[in-house]
PDB file of N, CA and C in Angstrom:
ATOM      1  N   MET A   1     -25.313   5.027  18.471  1.00  0.00           N
ATOM      2  CA  MET A   1     -23.884   5.095  18.314  1.00  0.00           C
ATOM      3  C   MET A   1     -23.529   4.489  16.961  1.00  0.00           C
ATOM      4  N   LYS A   2     -22.676   5.201  16.258  1.00  0.00           N
ATOM      5  CA  LYS A   2     -22.254   4.744  14.947  1.00  0.00           C
ATOM      6  C   LYS A   2     -20.790   4.311  15.023  1.00  0.00           C
ATOM      7  N   PHE A   3     -20.507   3.128  14.494  1.00  0.00           N
ATOM      8  CA  PHE A   3     -19.145   2.634  14.468  1.00  0.00           C
ATOM      9  C   PHE A   3     -18.577   2.858  13.074  1.00  0.00           C
ATOM     10  N   ALA A   4     -17.359   3.313  13.035  1.00  0.00           N
ATOM     11  CA  ALA A   4     -16.670   3.505  11.762  1.00  0.00           C
ATOM     12  C   ALA A   4     -15.304   2.856  11.860  1.00  0.00           C
ATOM     13  N   ARG A   5     -14.954   2.155  10.836  1.00  0.00           N
ATOM     14  CA  ARG A   5     -13.636   1.528  10.806  1.00  0.00           C
ATOM     15  C   ARG A   5     -12.617   2.565  10.363  1.00  0.00           C
ATOM     16  N   GLU A   6     -11.633   2.783  11.195  1.00  0.00           N
ATOM     17  CA  GLU A   6     -10.608   3.764  10.881  1.00  0.00           C
ATOM     18  C   GLU A   6      -9.433   3.054  10.231  1.00  0.00           C
ATOM     19  N   ASN A   7      -9.050   3.525   9.070  1.00  0.00           N
ATOM     20  CA  ASN A   7      -7.931   2.919   8.358  1.00  0.00           C
ATOM     21  C   ASN A   7      -6.629   3.529   8.857  1.00  0.00           C
ATOM     22  N   PRO A   8      -5.671   2.701   9.304  1.00  0.00           N
ATOM     23  CA  PRO A   8      -4.423   3.232   9.842  1.00  0.00           C
ATOM     24  C   PRO A   8      -3.491   3.807   8.782  1.00  0.00           C
ATOM     25  N   SER A   9      -3.830   3.711   7.520  1.00  0.00           N
ATOM     26  CA  SER A   9      -2.960   4.189   6.450  1.00  0.00           C
ATOM     27  C   SER A   9      -3.720   5.092   5.501  1.00  0.00           C
ATOM     28  N   ALA A  10      -3.035   6.121   5.036  1.00  0.00           N
ATOM     29  CA  ALA A  10      -3.632   7.004   4.037  1.00  0.00           C
ATOM     30  C   ALA A  10      -3.587   6.362   2.655  1.00  0.00           C
ATOM     31  N   VAL A  11      -2.763   5.335   2.485  1.00  0.00           N
ATOM     32  CA  VAL A  11      -2.620   4.669   1.192  1.00  0.00           C
ATOM     33  C   VAL A  11      -3.569   3.479   1.154  1.00  0.00           C
ATOM     34  N   THR A  12      -4.636   3.630   0.404  1.00  0.00           N
ATOM     35  CA  THR A  12      -5.618   2.563   0.231  1.00  0.00           C
ATOM     36  C   THR A  12      -6.037   2.541  -1.232  1.00  0.00           C
ATOM     37  N   VAL A  13      -6.065   1.359  -1.826  1.00  0.00           N
ATOM     38  CA  VAL A  13      -6.509   1.233  -3.213  1.00  0.00           C
ATOM     39  C   VAL A  13      -8.024   1.336  -3.228  1.00  0.00           C
ATOM     40  N   ARG A  14      -8.524   2.310  -3.957  1.00  0.00           N
ATOM     41  CA  ARG A  14      -9.974   2.549  -4.034  1.00  0.00           C
ATOM     42  C   ARG A  14     -10.615   1.900  -5.261  1.00  0.00           C
ATOM     43  N   HIS A  15      -9.818   1.737  -6.314  1.00  0.00           N
ATOM     44  CA  HIS A  15     -10.354   1.190  -7.569  1.00  0.00           C
ATOM     45  C   HIS A  15      -9.191   0.629  -8.378  1.00  0.00           C
ATOM     46  N   VAL A  16      -9.452  -0.472  -9.060  1.00  0.00           N
ATOM     47  CA  VAL A  16      -8.444  -1.042  -9.953  1.00  0.00           C
ATOM     48  C   VAL A  16      -9.137  -1.558 -11.210  1.00  0.00           C
ATOM     49  N   GLU A  17      -8.540  -1.249 -12.320  1.00  0.00           N
ATOM     50  CA  GLU A  17      -8.969  -1.790 -13.613  1.00  0.00           C
ATOM     51  C   GLU A  17      -7.734  -1.814 -14.495  1.00  0.00           C
ATOM     52  N   GLN A  18      -7.809  -2.548 -15.584  1.00  0.00           N
ATOM     53  CA  GLN A  18      -6.640  -2.645 -16.447  1.00  0.00           C
ATOM     54  C   GLN A  18      -6.279  -1.255 -16.957  1.00  0.00           C
ATOM     55  N   GLY A  19      -5.052  -0.838 -16.677  1.00  0.00           N
ATOM     56  CA  GLY A  19      -4.575   0.473 -17.107  1.00  0.00           C
ATOM     57  C   GLY A  19      -4.727   1.582 -16.079  1.00  0.00           C
ATOM     58  N   LEU A  20      -5.369   1.295 -14.922  1.00  0.00           N
ATOM     59  CA  LEU A  20      -5.620   2.357 -13.934  1.00  0.00           C
ATOM     60  C   LEU A  20      -5.788   1.784 -12.535  1.00  0.00           C
ATOM     61  N   ILE A  21      -5.124   2.432 -11.583  1.00  0.00           N
ATOM     62  CA  ILE A  21      -5.344   2.145 -10.167  1.00  0.00           C
ATOM     63  C   ILE A  21      -5.594   3.485  -9.498  1.00  0.00           C
ATOM     64  N   ARG A  22      -6.620   3.547  -8.674  1.00  0.00           N
ATOM     65  CA  ARG A  22      -6.890   4.767  -7.920  1.00  0.00           C
ATOM     66  C   ARG A  22      -6.511   4.529  -6.464  1.00  0.00           C
ATOM     67  N   VAL A  23      -5.560   5.319  -5.992  1.00  0.00           N
ATOM     68  CA  VAL A  23      -5.093   5.258  -4.607  1.00  0.00           C
ATOM     69  C   VAL A  23      -5.527   6.565  -3.965  1.00  0.00           C
ATOM     70  N   GLY A  24      -6.465   6.468  -3.030  1.00  0.00           N
ATOM     71  CA  GLY A  24      -7.051   7.685  -2.483  1.00  0.00           C
ATOM     72  C   GLY A  24      -7.727   8.448  -3.611  1.00  0.00           C
ATOM     73  N   ASP A  25      -7.366   9.689  -3.805  1.00  0.00           N
ATOM     74  CA  ASP A  25      -7.925  10.494  -4.895  1.00  0.00           C
ATOM     75  C   ASP A  25      -7.016  10.557  -6.108  1.00  0.00           C
ATOM     76  N   GLU A  26      -5.910   9.838  -6.075  1.00  0.00           N
ATOM     77  CA  GLU A  26      -4.910   9.890  -7.134  1.00  0.00           C
ATOM     78  C   GLU A  26      -5.099   8.736  -8.122  1.00  0.00           C
ATOM     79  N   SER A  27      -5.118   9.051  -9.413  1.00  0.00           N
ATOM     80  CA  SER A  27      -5.196   8.030 -10.458  1.00  0.00           C
ATOM     81  C   SER A  27      -3.793   7.734 -10.963  1.00  0.00           C
ATOM     82  N   ILE A  28      -3.453   6.454 -11.019  1.00  0.00           N
ATOM     83  CA  ILE A  28      -2.106   6.020 -11.398  1.00  0.00           C
ATOM     84  C   ILE A  28      -2.217   5.129 -12.627  1.00  0.00           C
ATOM     85  N   THR A  29      -1.372   5.405 -13.624  1.00  0.00           N
ATOM     86  CA  THR A  29      -1.452   4.670 -14.882  1.00  0.00           C
ATOM     87  C   THR A  29      -0.141   3.977 -15.241  1.00  0.00           C
ATOM     88  N   GLU A  30       0.747   3.809 -14.267  1.00  0.00           N
ATOM     89  CA  GLU A  30       1.997   3.093 -14.504  1.00  0.00           C
ATOM     90  C   GLU A  30       2.289   2.189 -13.313  1.00  0.00           C
ATOM     91  N   THR A  31       3.259   1.293 -13.471  1.00  0.00           N
ATOM     92  CA  THR A  31       3.642   0.420 -12.365  1.00  0.00           C
ATOM     93  C   THR A  31       3.994   1.272 -11.161  1.00  0.00           C
ATOM     94  N   VAL A  32       3.495   0.859 -10.006  1.00  0.00           N
ATOM     95  CA  VAL A  32       3.633   1.668  -8.805  1.00  0.00           C
ATOM     96  C   VAL A  32       3.955   0.766  -7.623  1.00  0.00           C
ATOM     97  N   VAL A  33       4.601   1.333  -6.617  1.00  0.00           N
ATOM     98  CA  VAL A  33       4.876   0.626  -5.369  1.00  0.00           C
ATOM     99  C   VAL A  33       4.178   1.371  -4.244  1.00  0.00           C
ATOM    100  N   LEU A  34       3.344   0.657  -3.507  1.00  0.00           N
ATOM    101  CA  LEU A  34       2.654   1.239  -2.357  1.00  0.00           C
ATOM    102  C   LEU A  34       3.304   0.699  -1.099  1.00  0.00           C
ATOM    103  N   PHE A  35       3.520   1.597  -0.128  1.00  0.00           N
ATOM    104  CA  PHE A  35       4.119   1.164   1.125  1.00  0.00           C
ATOM    105  C   PHE A  35       3.698   2.121   2.229  1.00  0.00           C
ATOM    106  N   ARG A  36       3.109   1.550   3.285  1.00  0.00           N
ATOM    107  CA  ARG A  36       2.633   2.332   4.430  1.00  0.00           C
ATOM    108  C   ARG A  36       1.862   3.555   3.959  1.00  0.00           C
ATOM    109  N   ASP A  37       2.436   4.730   4.140  1.00  0.00           N
ATOM    110  CA  ASP A  37       1.757   5.974   3.775  1.00  0.00           C
ATOM    111  C   ASP A  37       2.348   6.626   2.543  1.00  0.00           C
ATOM    112  N   THR A  38       3.030   5.853   1.708  1.00  0.00           N
ATOM    113  CA  THR A  38       3.689   6.445   0.548  1.00  0.00           C
ATOM    114  C   THR A  38       3.381   5.693  -0.736  1.00  0.00           C
ATOM    115  N   VAL A  39       3.426   6.435  -1.825  1.00  0.00           N
ATOM    116  CA  VAL A  39       3.277   5.897  -3.171  1.00  0.00           C
ATOM    117  C   VAL A  39       4.572   6.220  -3.905  1.00  0.00           C
ATOM    118  N   HIS A  40       5.247   5.189  -4.406  1.00  0.00           N
ATOM    119  CA  HIS A  40       6.513   5.376  -5.124  1.00  0.00           C
ATOM    120  C   HIS A  40       6.329   4.985  -6.582  1.00  0.00           C
ATOM    121  N   ARG A  41       6.749   5.856  -7.450  1.00  0.00           N
ATOM    122  CA  ARG A  41       6.673   5.551  -8.875  1.00  0.00           C
ATOM    123  C   ARG A  41       8.038   5.228  -9.463  1.00  0.00           C
ATOM    124  N   ASP A  42       9.100   5.463  -8.732  1.00  0.00           N
ATOM    125  CA  ASP A  42      10.432   5.332  -9.311  1.00  0.00           C
ATOM    126  C   ASP A  42      11.276   4.227  -8.685  1.00  0.00           C
ATOM    127  N   ILE A  43      10.698   3.393  -7.847  1.00  0.00           N
ATOM    128  CA  ILE A  43      11.477   2.330  -7.210  1.00  0.00           C
ATOM    129  C   ILE A  43      11.726   1.178  -8.170  1.00  0.00           C
ATOM    130  N   VAL A  44      10.727   0.807  -8.940  1.00  0.00           N
ATOM    131  CA  VAL A  44      10.838  -0.343  -9.834  1.00  0.00           C
ATOM    132  C   VAL A  44      10.983   0.156 -11.261  1.00  0.00           C
ATOM    133  N   SER A  45      12.058  -0.268 -11.913  1.00  0.00           N
ATOM    134  CA  SER A  45      12.240   0.076 -13.317  1.00  0.00           C
ATOM    135  C   SER A  45      12.579  -1.194 -14.077  1.00  0.00           C
ATOM    136  N   GLY A  46      12.297  -1.181 -15.350  1.00  0.00           N
ATOM    137  CA  GLY A  46      12.610  -2.343 -16.164  1.00  0.00           C
ATOM    138  C   GLY A  46      11.505  -3.390 -16.126  1.00  0.00           C
ATOM    139  N   ASP A  47      11.855  -4.590 -16.509  1.00  0.00           N
ATOM    140  CA  ASP A  47      10.906  -5.693 -16.622  1.00  0.00           C
ATOM    141  C   ASP A  47      10.600  -6.260 -15.235  1.00  0.00           C
ATOM    142  N   VAL A  48       9.361  -6.127 -14.800  1.00  0.00           N
ATOM    143  CA  VAL A  48       8.959  -6.578 -13.468  1.00  0.00           C
ATOM    144  C   VAL A  48       9.110  -8.088 -13.329  1.00  0.00           C
ATOM    145  N   ASP A  49       8.965  -8.838 -14.415  1.00  0.00           N
ATOM    146  CA  ASP A  49       9.100 -10.299 -14.361  1.00  0.00           C
ATOM    147  C   ASP A  49      10.536 -10.743 -14.094  1.00  0.00           C
ATOM    148  N   ARG A  50      11.478  -9.829 -14.228  1.00  0.00           N
ATOM    149  CA  ARG A  50      12.893 -10.172 -14.024  1.00  0.00           C
ATOM    150  C   ARG A  50      13.508  -9.393 -12.859  1.00  0.00           C
ATOM    151  N   LEU A  51      12.696  -9.017 -11.903  1.00  0.00           N
ATOM    152  CA  LEU A  51      13.180  -8.261 -10.754  1.00  0.00           C
ATOM    153  C   LEU A  51      14.177  -9.057  -9.937  1.00  0.00           C
ATOM    154  N   SER A  52      15.127  -8.355  -9.363  1.00  0.00           N
ATOM    155  CA  SER A  52      16.075  -8.968  -8.434  1.00  0.00           C
ATOM    156  C   SER A  52      16.041  -8.176  -7.132  1.00  0.00           C
ATOM    157  N   ALA A  53      16.681  -8.701  -6.115  1.00  0.00           N
ATOM    158  CA  ALA A  53      16.754  -7.994  -4.836  1.00  0.00           C
ATOM    159  C   ALA A  53      17.469  -6.656  -5.007  1.00  0.00           C
ATOM    160  N   ASP A  54      18.445  -6.592  -5.910  1.00  0.00           N
ATOM    161  CA  ASP A  54      19.136  -5.326  -6.166  1.00  0.00           C
ATOM    162  C   ASP A  54      18.175  -4.276  -6.716  1.00  0.00           C
ATOM    163  N   ASP A  55      17.238  -4.705  -7.572  1.00  0.00           N
ATOM    164  CA  ASP A  55      16.257  -3.776  -8.133  1.00  0.00           C
ATOM    165  C   ASP A  55      15.349  -3.192  -7.054  1.00  0.00           C
ATOM    166  N   LEU A  56      15.156  -3.944  -5.984  1.00  0.00           N
ATOM    167  CA  LEU A  56      14.245  -3.527  -4.908  1.00  0.00           C
ATOM    168  C   LEU A  56      14.983  -3.042  -3.664  1.00  0.00           C
ATOM    169  N   SER A  57      16.254  -2.719  -3.800  1.00  0.00           N
ATOM    170  CA  SER A  57      17.058  -2.358  -2.620  1.00  0.00           C
ATOM    171  C   SER A  57      16.462  -1.176  -1.849  1.00  0.00           C
ATOM    172  N   ASP A  58      15.953  -0.169  -2.548  1.00  0.00           N
ATOM    173  CA  ASP A  58      15.344   0.978  -1.845  1.00  0.00           C
ATOM    174  C   ASP A  58      14.122   0.542  -1.043  1.00  0.00           C
ATOM    175  N   LEU A  59      13.311  -0.330  -1.627  1.00  0.00           N
ATOM    176  CA  LEU A  59      12.123  -0.821  -0.943  1.00  0.00           C
ATOM    177  C   LEU A  59      12.512  -1.712   0.239  1.00  0.00           C
ATOM    178  N   ILE A  60      13.488  -2.580   0.042  1.00  0.00           N
ATOM    179  CA  ILE A  60      13.934  -3.482   1.095  1.00  0.00           C
ATOM    180  C   ILE A  60      14.457  -2.686   2.297  1.00  0.00           C
ATOM    181  N   GLU A  61      15.125  -1.575   2.023  1.00  0.00           N
ATOM    182  CA  GLU A  61      15.631  -0.717   3.106  1.00  0.00           C
ATOM    183  C   GLU A  61      14.500  -0.161   3.977  1.00  0.00           C
ATOM    184  N   GLU A  62      13.296  -0.043   3.412  1.00  0.00           N
ATOM    185  CA  GLU A  62      12.147   0.446   4.175  1.00  0.00           C
ATOM    186  C   GLU A  62      11.683  -0.582   5.219  1.00  0.00           C
ATOM    187  N   GLY A  63      12.067  -1.834   5.040  1.00  0.00           N
ATOM    188  CA  GLY A  63      11.781  -2.877   6.022  1.00  0.00           C
ATOM    189  C   GLY A  63      10.389  -3.466   6.019  1.00  0.00           C
ATOM    190  N   PRO A  64       9.802  -3.764   4.852  1.00  0.00           N
ATOM    191  CA  PRO A  64       8.494  -4.418   4.882  1.00  0.00           C
ATOM    192  C   PRO A  64       8.612  -5.850   5.395  1.00  0.00           C
ATOM    193  N   GLU A  65       7.541  -6.339   6.013  1.00  0.00           N
ATOM    194  CA  GLU A  65       7.558  -7.740   6.435  1.00  0.00           C
ATOM    195  C   GLU A  65       7.123  -8.645   5.298  1.00  0.00           C
ATOM    196  N   ILE A  66       6.390  -8.086   4.340  1.00  0.00           N
ATOM    197  CA  ILE A  66       5.957  -8.846   3.165  1.00  0.00           C
ATOM    198  C   ILE A  66       5.851  -7.904   1.978  1.00  0.00           C
ATOM    199  N   ILE A  67       6.191  -8.417   0.806  1.00  0.00           N
ATOM    200  CA  ILE A  67       6.012  -7.689  -0.450  1.00  0.00           C
ATOM    201  C   ILE A  67       5.033  -8.485  -1.295  1.00  0.00           C
ATOM    202  N   ILE A  68       4.000  -7.815  -1.741  1.00  0.00           N
ATOM    203  CA  ILE A  68       2.998  -8.428  -2.623  1.00  0.00           C
ATOM    204  C   ILE A  68       3.237  -7.880  -4.018  1.00  0.00           C
ATOM    205  N   MET A  69       3.284  -8.760  -4.986  1.00  0.00           N
ATOM    206  CA  MET A  69       3.478  -8.318  -6.362  1.00  0.00           C
ATOM    207  C   MET A  69       2.227  -8.599  -7.166  1.00  0.00           C
ATOM    208  N   GLY A  70       1.633  -7.550  -7.686  1.00  0.00           N
ATOM    209  CA  GLY A  70       0.500  -7.673  -8.594  1.00  0.00           C
ATOM    210  C   GLY A  70       1.035  -7.731 -10.011  1.00  0.00           C
ATOM    211  N   ALA A  71       0.942  -8.883 -10.638  1.00  0.00           N
ATOM    212  CA  ALA A  71       1.573  -9.129 -11.941  1.00  0.00           C
ATOM    213  C   ALA A  71       0.655  -8.830 -13.110  1.00  0.00           C
ATOM    214  N   GLY A  72      -0.194  -7.836 -12.977  1.00  0.00           N
ATOM    215  CA  GLY A  72      -1.110  -7.506 -14.062  1.00  0.00           C
ATOM    216  C   GLY A  72      -2.306  -8.440 -14.055  1.00  0.00           C
ATOM    217  N   TRP A  73      -2.812  -8.746 -15.218  1.00  0.00           N
ATOM    218  CA  TRP A  73      -4.018  -9.562 -15.316  1.00  0.00           C
ATOM    219  C   TRP A  73      -3.717 -10.964 -15.819  1.00  0.00           C
ATOM    220  N   LYS A  74      -2.453 -11.321 -15.834  1.00  0.00           N
ATOM    221  CA  LYS A  74      -2.070 -12.666 -16.278  1.00  0.00           C
ATOM    222  C   LYS A  74      -1.392 -13.397 -15.126  1.00  0.00           C
ATOM    223  N   PRO A  75      -1.666 -14.687 -14.993  1.00  0.00           N
ATOM    224  CA  PRO A  75      -0.975 -15.422 -13.938  1.00  0.00           C
ATOM    225  C   PRO A  75       0.505 -15.572 -14.285  1.00  0.00           C
ATOM    226  N   GLY A  76       1.308 -15.678 -13.277  1.00  0.00           N
ATOM    227  CA  GLY A  76       2.737 -15.852 -13.518  1.00  0.00           C
ATOM    228  C   GLY A  76       3.422 -16.393 -12.284  1.00  0.00           C
ATOM    229  N   LEU A  77       4.659 -16.731 -12.448  1.00  0.00           N
ATOM    230  CA  LEU A  77       5.467 -17.208 -11.338  1.00  0.00           C
ATOM    231  C   LEU A  77       6.457 -16.121 -10.948  1.00  0.00           C
ATOM    232  N   PRO A  78       6.720 -15.990  -9.664  1.00  0.00           N
ATOM    233  CA  PRO A  78       7.677 -14.971  -9.232  1.00  0.00           C
ATOM    234  C   PRO A  78       9.097 -15.363  -9.615  1.00  0.00           C
ATOM    235  N   PRO A  79       9.959 -14.379  -9.795  1.00  0.00           N
ATOM    236  CA  PRO A  79      11.374 -14.697 -10.060  1.00  0.00           C
ATOM    237  C   PRO A  79      11.948 -15.478  -8.870  1.00  0.00           C
ATOM    238  N   ARG A  80      12.405 -16.671  -9.125  1.00  0.00           N
ATOM    239  CA  ARG A  80      12.845 -17.600  -8.077  1.00  0.00           C
ATOM    240  C   ARG A  80      13.948 -17.013  -7.196  1.00  0.00           C
ATOM    241  N   GLU A  81      14.949 -16.420  -7.817  1.00  0.00           N
ATOM    242  CA  GLU A  81      16.061 -15.859  -7.053  1.00  0.00           C
ATOM    243  C   GLU A  81      15.607 -14.703  -6.171  1.00  0.00           C
ATOM    244  N   LEU A  82      14.629 -13.941  -6.626  1.00  0.00           N
ATOM    245  CA  LEU A  82      14.094 -12.839  -5.822  1.00  0.00           C
ATOM    246  C   LEU A  82      13.415 -13.381  -4.569  1.00  0.00           C
ATOM    247  N   VAL A  83      12.630 -14.418  -4.719  1.00  0.00           N
ATOM    248  CA  VAL A  83      11.943 -15.027  -3.576  1.00  0.00           C
ATOM    249  C   VAL A  83      12.969 -15.508  -2.549  1.00  0.00           C
ATOM    250  N   PHE A  84      14.017 -16.190  -3.007  1.00  0.00           N
ATOM    251  CA  PHE A  84      15.047 -16.690  -2.094  1.00  0.00           C
ATOM    252  C   PHE A  84      15.808 -15.549  -1.421  1.00  0.00           C
ATOM    253  N   ALA A  85      16.143 -14.509  -2.189  1.00  0.00           N
ATOM    254  CA  ALA A  85      16.893 -13.377  -1.635  1.00  0.00           C
ATOM    255  C   ALA A  85      16.069 -12.662  -0.561  1.00  0.00           C
ATOM    256  N   LEU A  86      14.778 -12.492  -0.804  1.00  0.00           N
ATOM    257  CA  LEU A  86      13.916 -11.838   0.182  1.00  0.00           C
ATOM    258  C   LEU A  86      13.742 -12.727   1.419  1.00  0.00           C
ATOM    259  N   ALA A  87      13.616 -14.023   1.217  1.00  0.00           N
ATOM    260  CA  ALA A  87      13.470 -14.945   2.350  1.00  0.00           C
ATOM    261  C   ALA A  87      14.703 -14.895   3.252  1.00  0.00           C
ATOM    262  N   ARG A  88      15.876 -14.794   2.643  1.00  0.00           N
ATOM    263  CA  ARG A  88      17.107 -14.686   3.439  1.00  0.00           C
ATOM    264  C   ARG A  88      17.117 -13.415   4.282  1.00  0.00           C
ATOM    265  N   LYS A  89      16.390 -12.393   3.854  1.00  0.00           N
ATOM    266  CA  LYS A  89      16.304 -11.134   4.606  1.00  0.00           C
ATOM    267  C   LYS A  89      15.105 -11.113   5.553  1.00  0.00           C
ATOM    268  N   GLY A  90      14.348 -12.221   5.583  1.00  0.00           N
ATOM    269  CA  GLY A  90      13.185 -12.301   6.461  1.00  0.00           C
ATOM    270  C   GLY A  90      11.960 -11.582   5.930  1.00  0.00           C
ATOM    271  N   ILE A  91      11.904 -11.362   4.613  1.00  0.00           N
ATOM    272  CA  ILE A  91      10.782 -10.670   3.983  1.00  0.00           C
ATOM    273  C   ILE A  91       9.988 -11.677   3.158  1.00  0.00           C
ATOM    274  N   GLY A  92       8.688 -11.771   3.432  1.00  0.00           N
ATOM    275  CA  GLY A  92       7.829 -12.654   2.651  1.00  0.00           C
ATOM    276  C   GLY A  92       7.544 -12.050   1.284  1.00  0.00           C
ATOM    277  N   PHE A  93       7.211 -12.903   0.329  1.00  0.00           N
ATOM    278  CA  PHE A  93       6.914 -12.442  -1.034  1.00  0.00           C
ATOM    279  C   PHE A  93       5.787 -13.281  -1.601  1.00  0.00           C
ATOM    280  N   GLU A  94       4.777 -12.615  -2.109  1.00  0.00           N
ATOM    281  CA  GLU A  94       3.648 -13.295  -2.759  1.00  0.00           C
ATOM    282  C   GLU A  94       3.384 -12.627  -4.092  1.00  0.00           C
ATOM    283  N   MET A  95       3.077 -13.422  -5.101  1.00  0.00           N
ATOM    284  CA  MET A  95       2.755 -12.895  -6.416  1.00  0.00           C
ATOM    285  C   MET A  95       1.361 -13.360  -6.799  1.00  0.00           C
ATOM    286  N   MET A  96       0.563 -12.424  -7.288  1.00  0.00           N
ATOM    287  CA  MET A  96      -0.817 -12.710  -7.689  1.00  0.00           C
ATOM    288  C   MET A  96      -1.230 -11.704  -8.744  1.00  0.00           C
ATOM    289  N   ASP A  97      -2.443 -11.828  -9.266  1.00  0.00           N
ATOM    290  CA  ASP A  97      -2.881 -10.821 -10.229  1.00  0.00           C
ATOM    291  C   ASP A  97      -3.092  -9.487  -9.501  1.00  0.00           C
ATOM    292  N   THR A  98      -3.072  -8.404 -10.250  1.00  0.00           N
ATOM    293  CA  THR A  98      -3.120  -7.071  -9.644  1.00  0.00           C
ATOM    294  C   THR A  98      -4.387  -6.812  -8.832  1.00  0.00           C
ATOM    295  N   PRO A  99      -5.583  -7.178  -9.290  1.00  0.00           N
ATOM    296  CA  PRO A  99      -6.761  -6.950  -8.439  1.00  0.00           C
ATOM    297  C   PRO A  99      -6.666  -7.676  -7.099  1.00  0.00           C
ATOM    298  N   ALA A 100      -6.183  -8.916  -7.100  1.00  0.00           N
ATOM    299  CA  ALA A 100      -6.024  -9.660  -5.841  1.00  0.00           C
ATOM    300  C   ALA A 100      -4.954  -9.016  -4.963  1.00  0.00           C
ATOM    301  N   ALA A 101      -3.885  -8.533  -5.580  1.00  0.00           N
ATOM    302  CA  ALA A 101      -2.823  -7.864  -4.821  1.00  0.00           C
ATOM    303  C   ALA A 101      -3.349  -6.583  -4.164  1.00  0.00           C
ATOM    304  N   CYS A 102      -4.201  -5.852  -4.864  1.00  0.00           N
ATOM    305  CA  CYS A 102      -4.789  -4.638  -4.291  1.00  0.00           C
ATOM    306  C   CYS A 102      -5.669  -4.975  -3.089  1.00  0.00           C
ATOM    307  N   ARG A 103      -6.493  -5.999  -3.224  1.00  0.00           N
ATOM    308  CA  ARG A 103      -7.354  -6.408  -2.103  1.00  0.00           C
ATOM    309  C   ARG A 103      -6.514  -6.862  -0.908  1.00  0.00           C
ATOM    310  N   THR A 104      -5.502  -7.674  -1.181  1.00  0.00           N
ATOM    311  CA  THR A 104      -4.639  -8.178  -0.113  1.00  0.00           C
ATOM    312  C   THR A 104      -3.891  -7.034   0.563  1.00  0.00           C
ATOM    313  N   PHE A 105      -3.382  -6.097  -0.216  1.00  0.00           N
ATOM    314  CA  PHE A 105      -2.694  -4.939   0.347  1.00  0.00           C
ATOM    315  C   PHE A 105      -3.625  -4.173   1.282  1.00  0.00           C
ATOM    316  N   ASN A 106      -4.854  -3.903   0.834  1.00  0.00           N
ATOM    317  CA  ASN A 106      -5.800  -3.159   1.666  1.00  0.00           C
ATOM    318  C   ASN A 106      -6.090  -3.885   2.983  1.00  0.00           C
ATOM    319  N   ILE A 107      -6.240  -5.189   2.913  1.00  0.00           N
ATOM    320  CA  ILE A 107      -6.518  -5.964   4.131  1.00  0.00           C
ATOM    321  C   ILE A 107      -5.339  -5.880   5.093  1.00  0.00           C
ATOM    322  N   LEU A 108      -4.141  -6.111   4.579  1.00  0.00           N
ATOM    323  CA  LEU A 108      -2.965  -6.119   5.447  1.00  0.00           C
ATOM    324  C   LEU A 108      -2.643  -4.732   5.995  1.00  0.00           C
ATOM    325  N   ILE A 109      -2.791  -3.708   5.194  1.00  0.00           N
ATOM    326  CA  ILE A 109      -2.532  -2.350   5.674  1.00  0.00           C
ATOM    327  C   ILE A 109      -3.599  -1.961   6.699  1.00  0.00           C
ATOM    328  N   GLY A 110      -4.809  -2.492   6.540  1.00  0.00           N
ATOM    329  CA  GLY A 110      -5.876  -2.263   7.519  1.00  0.00           C
ATOM    330  C   GLY A 110      -5.583  -2.919   8.858  1.00  0.00           C
ATOM    331  N   GLU A 111      -4.735  -3.939   8.837  1.00  0.00           N
ATOM    332  CA  GLU A 111      -4.298  -4.608  10.071  1.00  0.00           C
ATOM    333  C   GLU A 111      -3.009  -3.991  10.613  1.00  0.00           C
ATOM    334  N   ALA A 112      -2.608  -2.848  10.054  1.00  0.00           N
ATOM    335  CA  ALA A 112      -1.393  -2.124  10.454  1.00  0.00           C
ATOM    336  C   ALA A 112      -0.130  -2.960  10.251  1.00  0.00           C
ATOM    337  N   ARG A 113      -0.131  -3.798   9.212  1.00  0.00           N
ATOM    338  CA  ARG A 113       1.054  -4.600   8.889  1.00  0.00           C
ATOM    339  C   ARG A 113       1.995  -3.778   8.016  1.00  0.00           C
ATOM    340  N   ASP A 114       3.275  -4.084   8.068  1.00  0.00           N
ATOM    341  CA  ASP A 114       4.266  -3.428   7.212  1.00  0.00           C
ATOM    342  C   ASP A 114       4.320  -4.175   5.893  1.00  0.00           C
ATOM    343  N   VAL A 115       3.428  -3.813   5.004  1.00  0.00           N
ATOM    344  CA  VAL A 115       3.305  -4.484   3.717  1.00  0.00           C
ATOM    345  C   VAL A 115       3.617  -3.496   2.596  1.00  0.00           C
ATOM    346  N   ALA A 116       4.246  -4.004   1.559  1.00  0.00           N
ATOM    347  CA  ALA A 116       4.490  -3.219   0.359  1.00  0.00           C
ATOM    348  C   ALA A 116       3.843  -3.958  -0.807  1.00  0.00           C
ATOM    349  N   ALA A 117       3.399  -3.205  -1.797  1.00  0.00           N
ATOM    350  CA  ALA A 117       2.794  -3.818  -2.977  1.00  0.00           C
ATOM    351  C   ALA A 117       3.422  -3.219  -4.227  1.00  0.00           C
ATOM    352  N   ILE A 118       3.877  -4.093  -5.113  1.00  0.00           N
ATOM    353  CA  ILE A 118       4.352  -3.692  -6.439  1.00  0.00           C
ATOM    354  C   ILE A 118       3.211  -4.030  -7.381  1.00  0.00           C
ATOM    355  N   LEU A 119       2.638  -3.023  -8.018  1.00  0.00           N
ATOM    356  CA  LEU A 119       1.425  -3.243  -8.812  1.00  0.00           C
ATOM    357  C   LEU A 119       1.645  -2.872 -10.268  1.00  0.00           C
ATOM    358  N   GLN A 120       1.544  -3.884 -11.140  1.00  0.00           N
ATOM    359  CA  GLN A 120       1.590  -3.651 -12.576  1.00  0.00           C
ATOM    360  C   GLN A 120       0.177  -3.291 -13.024  1.00  0.00           C
ATOM    361  N   ILE A 121       0.081  -2.302 -13.869  1.00  0.00           N
ATOM    362  CA  ILE A 121      -1.222  -1.799 -14.311  1.00  0.00           C
ATOM    363  C   ILE A 121      -1.703  -2.546 -15.557  1.00  0.00           C
ATOM    364  N   GLU A 122      -0.786  -3.028 -16.358  1.00  0.00           N
ATOM    365  CA  GLU A 122      -1.158  -3.655 -17.639  1.00  0.00           C
ATOM    366  C   GLU A 122      -1.496  -5.104 -17.493  1.00  0.00           C
TER     367      GLU A 122
END
């Protein structure tokens, strides 16, 4: 008998490197938002370091329990007001480098959690 782990989501990060993320068979070369079974390229615009809850209103409407932000390959701090605004809505927020965010997203989506990831490629 062979056991295979079945992934509950079609959206899984297969590869990440600076300038490129591969989600399934699709290669992505710009900032992207992954959520459940969808890939969004137009939710986040402007400077990701200055995001506000208003900038993420479309994503927030989807109802994730946590948003993971991959801030590229440099460490950084999340926008303070964004963290507070999301907490008031009951949404967790974590910021880490993009490779760590991809790994964390895959783990949480594998647990069938309602997780979203904002991933900077640069």
